[in-house]
Amino acid sequence: MLGAALEYLKAHFLETVSLDDVAAAAGTSKRTLVRLFRLKQGRTVLQHLHRLRLEYACSRLRMSHDKIIAVALASGFNSIQSFNRAFRIELGCTPGQWRKSTRHF
């Protein structure tokens, strides 16, 4: 069940994903999914989704000259504000700071 949820997130992280979608893919209720995800993964479904999106965003930031807003939107975030907030929480800096410190063309 949890494996199916993780696979669904991995396959659809660039799209708009709801908890209902993930629970349906896992064949369980939202409540059970949330509880199991927190227990087994140590994070929420949304935190895991953000991590997948941020991994993708970091790759794009490192390997392209794309504007940060373009990277944010291409990575599945709905706004630059939510991207910046998730980035700071997960990586401890802004996307611009991260890009400057890791750029390798």
PDB file of N, CA and C in Angstrom:
ATOM      1  N   MET A   1       0.818  -1.191   0.000  1.00  0.00           N
ATOM      2  CA  MET A   1       0.000   0.000   0.000  1.00  0.00           C
ATOM      3  C   MET A   1       0.861   1.253   0.000  1.00  0.00           C
ATOM      4  N   LEU A   2       1.821   1.366   0.910  1.00  0.00           N
ATOM      5  CA  LEU A   2       2.690   2.530   0.959  1.00  0.00           C
ATOM      6  C   LEU A   2       3.562   2.588  -0.290  1.00  0.00           C
ATOM      7  N   GLY A   3       3.998   1.445  -0.757  1.00  0.00           N
ATOM      8  CA  GLY A   3       4.790   1.384  -1.985  1.00  0.00           C
ATOM      9  C   GLY A   3       4.034   1.955  -3.177  1.00  0.00           C
ATOM     10  N   ALA A   4       2.754   1.639  -3.255  1.00  0.00           N
ATOM     11  CA  ALA A   4       1.937   2.154  -4.351  1.00  0.00           C
ATOM     12  C   ALA A   4       1.801   3.670  -4.262  1.00  0.00           C
ATOM     13  N   ALA A   5       1.680   4.191  -3.054  1.00  0.00           N
ATOM     14  CA  ALA A   5       1.588   5.640  -2.858  1.00  0.00           C
ATOM     15  C   ALA A   5       2.889   6.318  -3.271  1.00  0.00           C
ATOM     16  N   LEU A   6       4.021   5.739  -2.887  1.00  0.00           N
ATOM     17  CA  LEU A   6       5.320   6.302  -3.248  1.00  0.00           C
ATOM     18  C   LEU A   6       5.535   6.274  -4.758  1.00  0.00           C
ATOM     19  N   GLU A   7       5.149   5.188  -5.392  1.00  0.00           N
ATOM     20  CA  GLU A   7       5.277   5.080  -6.847  1.00  0.00           C
ATOM     21  C   GLU A   7       4.386   6.098  -7.554  1.00  0.00           C
ATOM     22  N   TYR A   8       3.173   6.267  -7.029  1.00  0.00           N
ATOM     23  CA  TYR A   8       2.261   7.248  -7.623  1.00  0.00           C
ATOM     24  C   TYR A   8       2.864   8.648  -7.530  1.00  0.00           C
ATOM     25  N   LEU A   9       3.390   8.994  -6.367  1.00  0.00           N
ATOM     26  CA  LEU A   9       4.002  10.311  -6.184  1.00  0.00           C
ATOM     27  C   LEU A   9       5.198  10.493  -7.115  1.00  0.00           C
ATOM     28  N   LYS A  10       6.005   9.470  -7.238  1.00  0.00           N
ATOM     29  CA  LYS A  10       7.180   9.535  -8.102  1.00  0.00           C
ATOM     30  C   LYS A  10       6.782   9.735  -9.566  1.00  0.00           C
ATOM     31  N   ALA A  11       5.709   9.113  -9.973  1.00  0.00           N
ATOM     32  CA  ALA A  11       5.261   9.192 -11.362  1.00  0.00           C
ATOM     33  C   ALA A  11       4.500  10.490 -11.678  1.00  0.00           C
ATOM     34  N   HIS A  12       3.923  11.130 -10.649  1.00  0.00           N
ATOM     35  CA  HIS A  12       3.027  12.264 -10.893  1.00  0.00           C
ATOM     36  C   HIS A  12       3.432  13.548 -10.177  1.00  0.00           C
ATOM     37  N   PHE A  13       4.661  13.633  -9.657  1.00  0.00           N
ATOM     38  CA  PHE A  13       5.019  14.786  -8.830  1.00  0.00           C
ATOM     39  C   PHE A  13       5.022  16.114  -9.588  1.00  0.00           C
ATOM     40  N   LEU A  14       5.133  16.097 -10.893  1.00  0.00           N
ATOM     41  CA  LEU A  14       5.113  17.339 -11.663  1.00  0.00           C
ATOM     42  C   LEU A  14       3.689  17.841 -11.927  1.00  0.00           C
ATOM     43  N   GLU A  15       2.714  17.020 -11.600  1.00  0.00           N
ATOM     44  CA  GLU A  15       1.311  17.359 -11.814  1.00  0.00           C
ATOM     45  C   GLU A  15       0.685  17.868 -10.511  1.00  0.00           C
ATOM     46  N   THR A  16      -0.539  18.350 -10.611  1.00  0.00           N
ATOM     47  CA  THR A  16      -1.300  18.686  -9.420  1.00  0.00           C
ATOM     48  C   THR A  16      -1.728  17.367  -8.789  1.00  0.00           C
ATOM     49  N   VAL A  17      -1.323  17.141  -7.547  1.00  0.00           N
ATOM     50  CA  VAL A  17      -1.592  15.884  -6.853  1.00  0.00           C
ATOM     51  C   VAL A  17      -2.372  16.187  -5.584  1.00  0.00           C
ATOM     52  N   SER A  18      -3.462  15.463  -5.377  1.00  0.00           N
ATOM     53  CA  SER A  18      -4.236  15.622  -4.146  1.00  0.00           C
ATOM     54  C   SER A  18      -4.058  14.384  -3.272  1.00  0.00           C
ATOM     55  N   LEU A  19      -4.357  14.546  -2.012  1.00  0.00           N
ATOM     56  CA  LEU A  19      -4.302  13.421  -1.083  1.00  0.00           C
ATOM     57  C   LEU A  19      -5.292  12.342  -1.504  1.00  0.00           C
ATOM     58  N   ASP A  20      -6.421  12.755  -2.049  1.00  0.00           N
ATOM     59  CA  ASP A  20      -7.400  11.797  -2.568  1.00  0.00           C
ATOM     60  C   ASP A  20      -6.791  10.936  -3.676  1.00  0.00           C
ATOM     61  N   ASP A  21      -6.036  11.577  -4.572  1.00  0.00           N
ATOM     62  CA  ASP A  21      -5.393  10.854  -5.674  1.00  0.00           C
ATOM     63  C   ASP A  21      -4.421   9.802  -5.146  1.00  0.00           C
ATOM     64  N   VAL A  22      -3.602  10.208  -4.190  1.00  0.00           N
ATOM     65  CA  VAL A  22      -2.584   9.304  -3.648  1.00  0.00           C
ATOM     66  C   VAL A  22      -3.246   8.149  -2.894  1.00  0.00           C
ATOM     67  N   ALA A  23      -4.262   8.466  -2.099  1.00  0.00           N
ATOM     68  CA  ALA A  23      -4.968   7.426  -1.344  1.00  0.00           C
ATOM     69  C   ALA A  23      -5.637   6.435  -2.298  1.00  0.00           C
ATOM     70  N   ALA A  24      -6.242   6.939  -3.366  1.00  0.00           N
ATOM     71  CA  ALA A  24      -6.885   6.049  -4.342  1.00  0.00           C
ATOM     72  C   ALA A  24      -5.848   5.145  -5.012  1.00  0.00           C
ATOM     73  N   ALA A  25      -4.709   5.714  -5.357  1.00  0.00           N
ATOM     74  CA  ALA A  25      -3.651   4.915  -5.984  1.00  0.00           C
ATOM     75  C   ALA A  25      -3.128   3.842  -5.039  1.00  0.00           C
ATOM     76  N   ALA A  26      -3.135   4.153  -3.745  1.00  0.00           N
ATOM     77  CA  ALA A  26      -2.649   3.203  -2.739  1.00  0.00           C
ATOM     78  C   ALA A  26      -3.733   2.228  -2.299  1.00  0.00           C
ATOM     79  N   GLY A  27      -4.976   2.492  -2.695  1.00  0.00           N
ATOM     80  CA  GLY A  27      -6.076   1.609  -2.323  1.00  0.00           C
ATOM     81  C   GLY A  27      -6.428   1.686  -0.851  1.00  0.00           C
ATOM     82  N   THR A  28      -6.362   2.882  -0.289  1.00  0.00           N
ATOM     83  CA  THR A  28      -6.654   3.055   1.128  1.00  0.00           C
ATOM     84  C   THR A  28      -7.356   4.385   1.366  1.00  0.00           C
ATOM     85  N   SER A  29      -7.723   4.623   2.597  1.00  0.00           N
ATOM     86  CA  SER A  29      -8.350   5.895   2.936  1.00  0.00           C
ATOM     87  C   SER A  29      -7.280   6.963   3.153  1.00  0.00           C
ATOM     88  N   LYS A  30      -7.705   8.220   3.062  1.00  0.00           N
ATOM     89  CA  LYS A  30      -6.767   9.313   3.312  1.00  0.00           C
ATOM     90  C   LYS A  30      -6.207   9.231   4.728  1.00  0.00           C
ATOM     91  N   ARG A  31      -7.060   8.928   5.664  1.00  0.00           N
ATOM     92  CA  ARG A  31      -6.651   8.865   7.078  1.00  0.00           C
ATOM     93  C   ARG A  31      -5.573   7.795   7.296  1.00  0.00           C
ATOM     94  N   THR A  32      -5.791   6.617   6.734  1.00  0.00           N
ATOM     95  CA  THR A  32      -4.819   5.536   6.864  1.00  0.00           C
ATOM     96  C   THR A  32      -3.521   5.895   6.154  1.00  0.00           C
ATOM     97  N   LEU A  33      -3.627   6.482   4.977  1.00  0.00           N
ATOM     98  CA  LEU A  33      -2.445   6.885   4.232  1.00  0.00           C
ATOM     99  C   LEU A  33      -1.610   7.884   5.028  1.00  0.00           C
ATOM    100  N   VAL A  34      -2.245   8.886   5.575  1.00  0.00           N
ATOM    101  CA  VAL A  34      -1.537   9.915   6.347  1.00  0.00           C
ATOM    102  C   VAL A  34      -0.834   9.285   7.547  1.00  0.00           C
ATOM    103  N   ARG A  35      -1.538   8.423   8.249  1.00  0.00           N
ATOM    104  CA  ARG A  35      -0.964   7.781   9.442  1.00  0.00           C
ATOM    105  C   ARG A  35       0.223   6.897   9.067  1.00  0.00           C
ATOM    106  N   LEU A  36       0.074   6.053   8.061  1.00  0.00           N
ATOM    107  CA  LEU A  36       1.150   5.162   7.647  1.00  0.00           C
ATOM    108  C   LEU A  36       2.342   5.922   7.062  1.00  0.00           C
ATOM    109  N   PHE A  37       2.050   6.950   6.316  1.00  0.00           N
ATOM    110  CA  PHE A  37       3.121   7.728   5.713  1.00  0.00           C
ATOM    111  C   PHE A  37       3.988   8.362   6.797  1.00  0.00           C
ATOM    112  N   ARG A  38       3.329   8.936   7.791  1.00  0.00           N
ATOM    113  CA  ARG A  38       4.065   9.573   8.883  1.00  0.00           C
ATOM    114  C   ARG A  38       4.853   8.533   9.677  1.00  0.00           C
ATOM    115  N   LEU A  39       4.259   7.389   9.913  1.00  0.00           N
ATOM    116  CA  LEU A  39       4.894   6.331  10.689  1.00  0.00           C
ATOM    117  C   LEU A  39       6.095   5.730   9.954  1.00  0.00           C
ATOM    118  N   LYS A  40       5.925   5.408   8.689  1.00  0.00           N
ATOM    119  CA  LYS A  40       6.969   4.707   7.933  1.00  0.00           C
ATOM    120  C   LYS A  40       7.987   5.642   7.271  1.00  0.00           C
ATOM    121  N   GLN A  41       7.555   6.813   6.841  1.00  0.00           N
ATOM    122  CA  GLN A  41       8.441   7.733   6.129  1.00  0.00           C
ATOM    123  C   GLN A  41       9.000   8.842   7.029  1.00  0.00           C
ATOM    124  N   GLY A  42       8.332   9.074   8.153  1.00  0.00           N
ATOM    125  CA  GLY A  42       8.782  10.124   9.054  1.00  0.00           C
ATOM    126  C   GLY A  42       8.476  11.527   8.555  1.00  0.00           C
ATOM    127  N   ARG A  43       7.602  11.623   7.582  1.00  0.00           N
ATOM    128  CA  ARG A  43       7.200  12.912   7.039  1.00  0.00           C
ATOM    129  C   ARG A  43       5.802  12.793   6.455  1.00  0.00           C
ATOM    130  N   THR A  44       5.215  13.912   6.132  1.00  0.00           N
ATOM    131  CA  THR A  44       3.868  13.891   5.570  1.00  0.00           C
ATOM    132  C   THR A  44       3.935  13.621   4.064  1.00  0.00           C
ATOM    133  N   VAL A  45       2.791  13.341   3.497  1.00  0.00           N
ATOM    134  CA  VAL A  45       2.699  13.131   2.056  1.00  0.00           C
ATOM    135  C   VAL A  45       3.140  14.410   1.332  1.00  0.00           C
ATOM    136  N   LEU A  46       2.696  15.558   1.817  1.00  0.00           N
ATOM    137  CA  LEU A  46       3.064  16.827   1.197  1.00  0.00           C
ATOM    138  C   LEU A  46       4.570  17.084   1.298  1.00  0.00           C
ATOM    139  N   GLN A  47       5.169  16.772   2.422  1.00  0.00           N
ATOM    140  CA  GLN A  47       6.613  16.944   2.557  1.00  0.00           C
ATOM    141  C   GLN A  47       7.365  16.052   1.573  1.00  0.00           C
ATOM    142  N   HIS A  48       6.877  14.839   1.394  1.00  0.00           N
ATOM    143  CA  HIS A  48       7.515  13.929   0.434  1.00  0.00           C
ATOM    144  C   HIS A  48       7.352  14.462  -0.994  1.00  0.00           C
ATOM    145  N   LEU A  49       6.167  14.941  -1.308  1.00  0.00           N
ATOM    146  CA  LEU A  49       5.913  15.514  -2.627  1.00  0.00           C
ATOM    147  C   LEU A  49       6.833  16.712  -2.866  1.00  0.00           C
ATOM    148  N   HIS A  50       6.963  17.569  -1.874  1.00  0.00           N
ATOM    149  CA  HIS A  50       7.860  18.720  -2.000  1.00  0.00           C
ATOM    150  C   HIS A  50       9.304  18.281  -2.207  1.00  0.00           C
ATOM    151  N   ARG A  51       9.726  17.244  -1.515  1.00  0.00           N
ATOM    152  CA  ARG A  51      11.095  16.758  -1.681  1.00  0.00           C
ATOM    153  C   ARG A  51      11.337  16.286  -3.116  1.00  0.00           C
ATOM    154  N   LEU A  52      10.396  15.538  -3.675  1.00  0.00           N
ATOM    155  CA  LEU A  52      10.534  15.084  -5.066  1.00  0.00           C
ATOM    156  C   LEU A  52      10.624  16.271  -6.020  1.00  0.00           C
ATOM    157  N   ARG A  53       9.758  17.245  -5.807  1.00  0.00           N
ATOM    158  CA  ARG A  53       9.760  18.429  -6.659  1.00  0.00           C
ATOM    159  C   ARG A  53      11.049  19.228  -6.507  1.00  0.00           C
ATOM    160  N   LEU A  54      11.544  19.336  -5.284  1.00  0.00           N
ATOM    161  CA  LEU A  54      12.770  20.090  -5.046  1.00  0.00           C
ATOM    162  C   LEU A  54      13.994  19.387  -5.638  1.00  0.00           C
ATOM    163  N   GLU A  55      14.027  18.069  -5.601  1.00  0.00           N
ATOM    164  CA  GLU A  55      15.126  17.334  -6.239  1.00  0.00           C
ATOM    165  C   GLU A  55      15.161  17.634  -7.738  1.00  0.00           C
ATOM    166  N   TYR A  56      13.984  17.639  -8.346  1.00  0.00           N
ATOM    167  CA  TYR A  56      13.881  17.961  -9.764  1.00  0.00           C
ATOM    168  C   TYR A  56      14.295  19.415 -10.013  1.00  0.00           C
ATOM    169  N   ALA A  57      13.809  20.323  -9.166  1.00  0.00           N
ATOM    170  CA  ALA A  57      14.130  21.745  -9.307  1.00  0.00           C
ATOM    171  C   ALA A  57      15.627  21.986  -9.164  1.00  0.00           C
ATOM    172  N   CYS A  58      16.257  21.333  -8.213  1.00  0.00           N
ATOM    173  CA  CYS A  58      17.704  21.504  -8.017  1.00  0.00           C
ATOM    174  C   CYS A  58      18.469  21.065  -9.251  1.00  0.00           C
ATOM    175  N   SER A  59      18.042  19.998  -9.864  1.00  0.00           N
ATOM    176  CA  SER A  59      18.690  19.531 -11.086  1.00  0.00           C
ATOM    177  C   SER A  59      18.562  20.588 -12.178  1.00  0.00           C
ATOM    178  N   ARG A  60      17.392  21.164 -12.313  1.00  0.00           N
ATOM    179  CA  ARG A  60      17.174  22.202 -13.334  1.00  0.00           C
ATOM    180  C   ARG A  60      17.942  23.474 -13.005  1.00  0.00           C
ATOM    181  N   LEU A  61      17.991  23.839 -11.734  1.00  0.00           N
ATOM    182  CA  LEU A  61      18.740  25.036 -11.338  1.00  0.00           C
ATOM    183  C   LEU A  61      20.231  24.868 -11.627  1.00  0.00           C
ATOM    184  N   ARG A  62      20.721  23.685 -11.385  1.00  0.00           N
ATOM    185  CA  ARG A  62      22.142  23.395 -11.567  1.00  0.00           C
ATOM    186  C   ARG A  62      22.523  23.347 -13.042  1.00  0.00           C
ATOM    187  N   MET A  63      21.660  22.803 -13.865  1.00  0.00           N
ATOM    188  CA  MET A  63      22.031  22.508 -15.246  1.00  0.00           C
ATOM    189  C   MET A  63      21.469  23.467 -16.299  1.00  0.00           C
ATOM    190  N   SER A  64      20.776  24.503 -15.875  1.00  0.00           N
ATOM    191  CA  SER A  64      20.186  25.407 -16.864  1.00  0.00           C
ATOM    192  C   SER A  64      20.346  26.858 -16.428  1.00  0.00           C
ATOM    193  N   HIS A  65      20.020  27.730 -17.355  1.00  0.00           N
ATOM    194  CA  HIS A  65      19.995  29.166 -17.083  1.00  0.00           C
ATOM    195  C   HIS A  65      18.550  29.642 -16.919  1.00  0.00           C
ATOM    196  N   ASP A  66      17.620  28.722 -16.775  1.00  0.00           N
ATOM    197  CA  ASP A  66      16.210  29.083 -16.650  1.00  0.00           C
ATOM    198  C   ASP A  66      15.993  29.989 -15.445  1.00  0.00           C
ATOM    199  N   LYS A  67      15.048  30.901 -15.588  1.00  0.00           N
ATOM    200  CA  LYS A  67      14.697  31.766 -14.459  1.00  0.00           C
ATOM    201  C   LYS A  67      14.119  30.903 -13.347  1.00  0.00           C
ATOM    202  N   ILE A  68      14.300  31.371 -12.123  1.00  0.00           N
ATOM    203  CA  ILE A  68      13.851  30.600 -10.959  1.00  0.00           C
ATOM    204  C   ILE A  68      12.345  30.376 -11.005  1.00  0.00           C
ATOM    205  N   ILE A  69      11.587  31.365 -11.415  1.00  0.00           N
ATOM    206  CA  ILE A  69      10.133  31.173 -11.484  1.00  0.00           C
ATOM    207  C   ILE A  69       9.777  30.090 -12.494  1.00  0.00           C
ATOM    208  N   ALA A  70      10.488  30.029 -13.614  1.00  0.00           N
ATOM    209  CA  ALA A  70      10.226  28.984 -14.614  1.00  0.00           C
ATOM    210  C   ALA A  70      10.540  27.608 -14.043  1.00  0.00           C
ATOM    211  N   VAL A  71      11.625  27.510 -13.294  1.00  0.00           N
ATOM    212  CA  VAL A  71      11.979  26.241 -12.653  1.00  0.00           C
ATOM    213  C   VAL A  71      10.909  25.851 -11.637  1.00  0.00           C
ATOM    214  N   ALA A  72      10.462  26.815 -10.853  1.00  0.00           N
ATOM    215  CA  ALA A  72       9.432  26.548  -9.836  1.00  0.00           C
ATOM    216  C   ALA A  72       8.169  25.985 -10.477  1.00  0.00           C
ATOM    217  N   LEU A  73       7.693  26.634 -11.506  1.00  0.00           N
ATOM    218  CA  LEU A  73       6.451  26.204 -12.158  1.00  0.00           C
ATOM    219  C   LEU A  73       6.636  24.872 -12.876  1.00  0.00           C
ATOM    220  N   ALA A  74       7.788  24.669 -13.490  1.00  0.00           N
ATOM    221  CA  ALA A  74       8.060  23.407 -14.181  1.00  0.00           C
ATOM    222  C   ALA A  74       8.223  22.248 -13.204  1.00  0.00           C
ATOM    223  N   SER A  75       8.521  22.567 -11.952  1.00  0.00           N
ATOM    224  CA  SER A  75       8.738  21.543 -10.926  1.00  0.00           C
ATOM    225  C   SER A  75       7.459  21.159 -10.190  1.00  0.00           C
ATOM    226  N   GLY A  76       6.349  21.740 -10.583  1.00  0.00           N
ATOM    227  CA  GLY A  76       5.071  21.363  -9.982  1.00  0.00           C
ATOM    228  C   GLY A  76       4.554  22.299  -8.911  1.00  0.00           C
ATOM    229  N   PHE A  77       5.297  23.354  -8.608  1.00  0.00           N
ATOM    230  CA  PHE A  77       4.820  24.316  -7.609  1.00  0.00           C
ATOM    231  C   PHE A  77       3.867  25.295  -8.282  1.00  0.00           C
ATOM    232  N   ASN A  78       2.845  25.726  -7.540  1.00  0.00           N
ATOM    233  CA  ASN A  78       1.826  26.614  -8.100  1.00  0.00           C
ATOM    234  C   ASN A  78       2.238  28.075  -8.073  1.00  0.00           C
ATOM    235  N   SER A  79       3.226  28.416  -7.239  1.00  0.00           N
ATOM    236  CA  SER A  79       3.651  29.810  -7.132  1.00  0.00           C
ATOM    237  C   SER A  79       5.105  29.880  -6.699  1.00  0.00           C
ATOM    238  N   ILE A  80       5.714  31.006  -6.969  1.00  0.00           N
ATOM    239  CA  ILE A  80       7.092  31.213  -6.547  1.00  0.00           C
ATOM    240  C   ILE A  80       7.182  31.265  -5.022  1.00  0.00           C
ATOM    241  N   GLN A  81       6.133  31.763  -4.377  1.00  0.00           N
ATOM    242  CA  GLN A  81       6.127  31.839  -2.912  1.00  0.00           C
ATOM    243  C   GLN A  81       6.163  30.449  -2.279  1.00  0.00           C
ATOM    244  N   SER A  82       5.358  29.537  -2.784  1.00  0.00           N
ATOM    245  CA  SER A  82       5.349  28.189  -2.209  1.00  0.00           C
ATOM    246  C   SER A  82       6.662  27.473  -2.519  1.00  0.00           C
ATOM    247  N   PHE A  83       7.229  27.732  -3.681  1.00  0.00           N
ATOM    248  CA  PHE A  83       8.532  27.155  -4.043  1.00  0.00           C
ATOM    249  C   PHE A  83       9.622  27.670  -3.100  1.00  0.00           C
ATOM    250  N   ASN A  84       9.673  28.982  -2.931  1.00  0.00           N
ATOM    251  CA  ASN A  84      10.695  29.560  -2.050  1.00  0.00           C
ATOM    252  C   ASN A  84      10.561  29.064  -0.610  1.00  0.00           C
ATOM    253  N   ARG A  85       9.336  28.978  -0.122  1.00  0.00           N
ATOM    254  CA  ARG A  85       9.100  28.507   1.246  1.00  0.00           C
ATOM    255  C   ARG A  85       9.554  27.056   1.407  1.00  0.00           C
ATOM    256  N   ALA A  86       9.154  26.189   0.479  1.00  0.00           N
ATOM    257  CA  ALA A  86       9.552  24.777   0.542  1.00  0.00           C
ATOM    258  C   ALA A  86      11.069  24.643   0.408  1.00  0.00           C
ATOM    259  N   PHE A  87      11.664  25.448  -0.454  1.00  0.00           N
ATOM    260  CA  PHE A  87      13.102  25.401  -0.666  1.00  0.00           C
ATOM    261  C   PHE A  87      13.847  25.772   0.616  1.00  0.00           C
ATOM    262  N   ARG A  88      13.416  26.856   1.255  1.00  0.00           N
ATOM    263  CA  ARG A  88      14.073  27.294   2.503  1.00  0.00           C
ATOM    264  C   ARG A  88      13.909  26.267   3.607  1.00  0.00           C
ATOM    265  N   ILE A  89      12.734  25.687   3.717  1.00  0.00           N
ATOM    266  CA  ILE A  89      12.486  24.690   4.760  1.00  0.00           C
ATOM    267  C   ILE A  89      13.362  23.464   4.540  1.00  0.00           C
ATOM    268  N   GLU A  90      13.425  22.990   3.327  1.00  0.00           N
ATOM    269  CA  GLU A  90      14.145  21.744   3.020  1.00  0.00           C
ATOM    270  C   GLU A  90      15.656  21.941   2.908  1.00  0.00           C
ATOM    271  N   LEU A  91      16.084  23.062   2.318  1.00  0.00           N
ATOM    272  CA  LEU A  91      17.509  23.235   2.012  1.00  0.00           C
ATOM    273  C   LEU A  91      18.188  24.360   2.791  1.00  0.00           C
ATOM    274  N   GLY A  92      17.409  25.162   3.498  1.00  0.00           N
ATOM    275  CA  GLY A  92      17.993  26.183   4.365  1.00  0.00           C
ATOM    276  C   GLY A  92      18.513  27.427   3.664  1.00  0.00           C
ATOM    277  N   CYS A  93      18.155  27.623   2.410  1.00  0.00           N
ATOM    278  CA  CYS A  93      18.571  28.826   1.688  1.00  0.00           C
ATOM    279  C   CYS A  93      17.562  29.088   0.568  1.00  0.00           C
ATOM    280  N   THR A  94      17.742  30.189  -0.116  1.00  0.00           N
ATOM    281  CA  THR A  94      16.851  30.498  -1.235  1.00  0.00           C
ATOM    282  C   THR A  94      17.329  29.755  -2.482  1.00  0.00           C
ATOM    283  N   PRO A  95      16.471  29.589  -3.466  1.00  0.00           N
ATOM    284  CA  PRO A  95      16.904  28.945  -4.711  1.00  0.00           C
ATOM    285  C   PRO A  95      18.065  29.692  -5.381  1.00  0.00           C
ATOM    286  N   GLY A  96      18.038  31.016  -5.348  1.00  0.00           N
ATOM    287  CA  GLY A  96      19.117  31.799  -5.941  1.00  0.00           C
ATOM    288  C   GLY A  96      20.447  31.568  -5.241  1.00  0.00           C
ATOM    289  N   GLN A  97      20.429  31.531  -3.913  1.00  0.00           N
ATOM    290  CA  GLN A  97      21.654  31.269  -3.151  1.00  0.00           C
ATOM    291  C   GLN A  97      22.172  29.867  -3.457  1.00  0.00           C
ATOM    292  N   TRP A  98      21.264  28.913  -3.504  1.00  0.00           N
ATOM    293  CA  TRP A  98      21.660  27.530  -3.781  1.00  0.00           C
ATOM    294  C   TRP A  98      22.292  27.426  -5.163  1.00  0.00           C
ATOM    295  N   ARG A  99      21.660  28.077  -6.148  1.00  0.00           N
ATOM    296  CA  ARG A  99      22.161  28.018  -7.517  1.00  0.00           C
ATOM    297  C   ARG A  99      23.573  28.596  -7.606  1.00  0.00           C
ATOM    298  N   LYS A 100      23.810  29.719  -6.962  1.00  0.00           N
ATOM    299  CA  LYS A 100      25.132  30.346  -6.997  1.00  0.00           C
ATOM    300  C   LYS A 100      26.201  29.452  -6.365  1.00  0.00           C
ATOM    301  N   SER A 101      25.826  28.723  -5.338  1.00  0.00           N
ATOM    302  CA  SER A 101      26.818  27.910  -4.623  1.00  0.00           C
ATOM    303  C   SER A 101      27.071  26.547  -5.267  1.00  0.00           C
ATOM    304  N   THR A 102      26.213  26.129  -6.214  1.00  0.00           N
ATOM    305  CA  THR A 102      26.346  24.776  -6.770  1.00  0.00           C
ATOM    306  C   THR A 102      26.404  24.724  -8.285  1.00  0.00           C
ATOM    307  N   ARG A 103      26.427  25.822  -8.931  1.00  0.00           N
ATOM    308  CA  ARG A 103      26.344  25.819 -10.399  1.00  0.00           C
ATOM    309  C   ARG A 103      27.576  25.205 -11.021  1.00  0.00           C
ATOM    310  N   HIS A 104      27.359  24.261 -11.917  1.00  0.00           N
ATOM    311  CA  HIS A 104      28.460  23.558 -12.595  1.00  0.00           C
ATOM    312  C   HIS A 104      28.116  23.356 -14.057  1.00  0.00           C
ATOM    313  N   PHE A 105      28.454  24.287 -14.902  1.00  0.00           N
ATOM    314  CA  PHE A 105      28.188  24.112 -16.344  1.00  0.00           C
ATOM    315  C   PHE A 105      29.424  23.595 -17.012  1.00  0.00           C
TER     316      PHE A 105
END
